Protein backbone atom coordinates (compact mmCIF):
# COMPACT_ATOMS: atom_id res chain seq x y z
CA MET A 1 -0.08 -0.07 -0.14
CA LEU A 2 2.89 2.43 0.57
CA ALA A 3 5.40 2.66 -2.09
CA THR A 4 8.65 4.80 -2.48
CA THR A 5 9.56 6.68 -5.68
CA GLY A 6 13.22 7.52 -5.22
CA SER A 7 13.28 9.66 -2.37
CA LEU A 8 9.76 10.53 -2.36
CA LEU A 9 7.10 8.63 0.00
CA CYS A 10 3.45 7.99 -1.47
CA SER A 11 0.67 7.22 0.50
CA LEU A 12 -2.95 5.84 -0.22
CA LYS A 13 -6.18 7.35 0.67
CA ILE A 14 -9.10 4.70 1.30
CA LEU A 15 -12.39 5.83 0.95
CA ILE A 16 -15.40 4.70 2.86
CA SER A 17 -18.67 4.17 1.02
CA LEU A 18 -20.73 7.49 1.28
CA VAL A 19 -24.09 6.13 0.54
CA LYS A 20 -23.87 2.21 1.32
CA ILE A 21 -22.18 3.01 4.72
CA PHE A 22 -22.38 6.41 5.74
CA LEU A 23 -25.88 7.43 4.63
CA ASN A 24 -27.87 4.02 5.01
CA GLY A 25 -25.46 1.98 7.39
CA THR A 26 -25.97 1.24 10.68
CA GLU A 27 -23.61 2.55 13.57
CA ASP A 28 -22.05 -1.24 13.61
CA GLU A 29 -21.66 -1.19 9.77
CA CYS A 30 -19.79 2.06 9.68
CA ALA A 31 -17.31 1.02 12.89
CA THR A 32 -16.83 -2.39 11.00
CA GLU A 33 -16.16 -0.63 7.59
CA ALA A 34 -13.71 1.81 9.00
CA LEU A 35 -11.73 -0.88 10.83
CA GLU A 36 -11.49 -3.11 7.81
CA GLU A 37 -10.00 -0.44 5.96
CA VAL A 38 -7.48 0.26 8.54
CA GLU A 39 -6.60 -3.17 8.47
CA ILE A 40 -6.17 -3.27 4.65
CA GLY A 41 -4.09 -0.21 5.10
CA GLY A 42 -1.90 -1.42 7.86
CA ASN A 43 0.53 0.77 9.36
CA THR A 44 1.28 2.67 6.22
CA GLY A 45 0.35 6.10 6.87
CA TYR A 46 -2.76 6.37 4.59
CA ILE A 47 -5.71 8.54 4.92
CA LEU A 48 -9.01 7.00 5.72
CA SER A 49 -11.66 9.34 4.25
CA PRO A 50 -15.47 9.48 2.91
CA GLY A 51 -13.82 11.46 -0.15
CA CYS A 52 -13.90 15.09 -0.45
CA ASP A 53 -16.88 15.79 1.91
CA ILE A 54 -19.61 14.39 4.18
CA PRO A 55 -23.22 14.87 2.92
CA TYR A 56 -25.16 17.09 5.49
CA ASN A 57 -27.72 14.34 6.43
CA VAL A 58 -25.28 11.67 7.64
CA PRO A 59 -26.46 10.51 10.96
CA LYS A 60 -23.98 11.82 13.59
CA GLU A 61 -24.51 8.65 15.21
CA ASN A 62 -22.61 7.03 12.14
CA LEU A 63 -19.60 9.39 12.42
CA ILE A 64 -19.41 9.03 16.24
CA ALA A 65 -19.25 5.23 15.52
CA ILE A 66 -16.61 5.40 13.16
CA GLY A 67 -14.64 7.68 15.45
CA GLU A 68 -14.68 5.58 18.48
CA ALA A 69 -14.09 2.55 16.70
CA LEU A 70 -10.81 3.98 15.36
CA HIS A 71 -10.10 5.75 18.59
């Protein structure tokens, strides 16, 4: 997941599904998805993100569940 190009270090941005997980998923599904993505990325310094933005109608409980799972 992490590659070097000469003296430069490259990282990977892993996206969480906006509609399937953030908007329509349960708290448990959000936490599980985040933990699975962390496992894929390993200890590489990647960025876990929903993309460029978070839709305004994402349940705050889903965001809290992700934060608590990763903390």
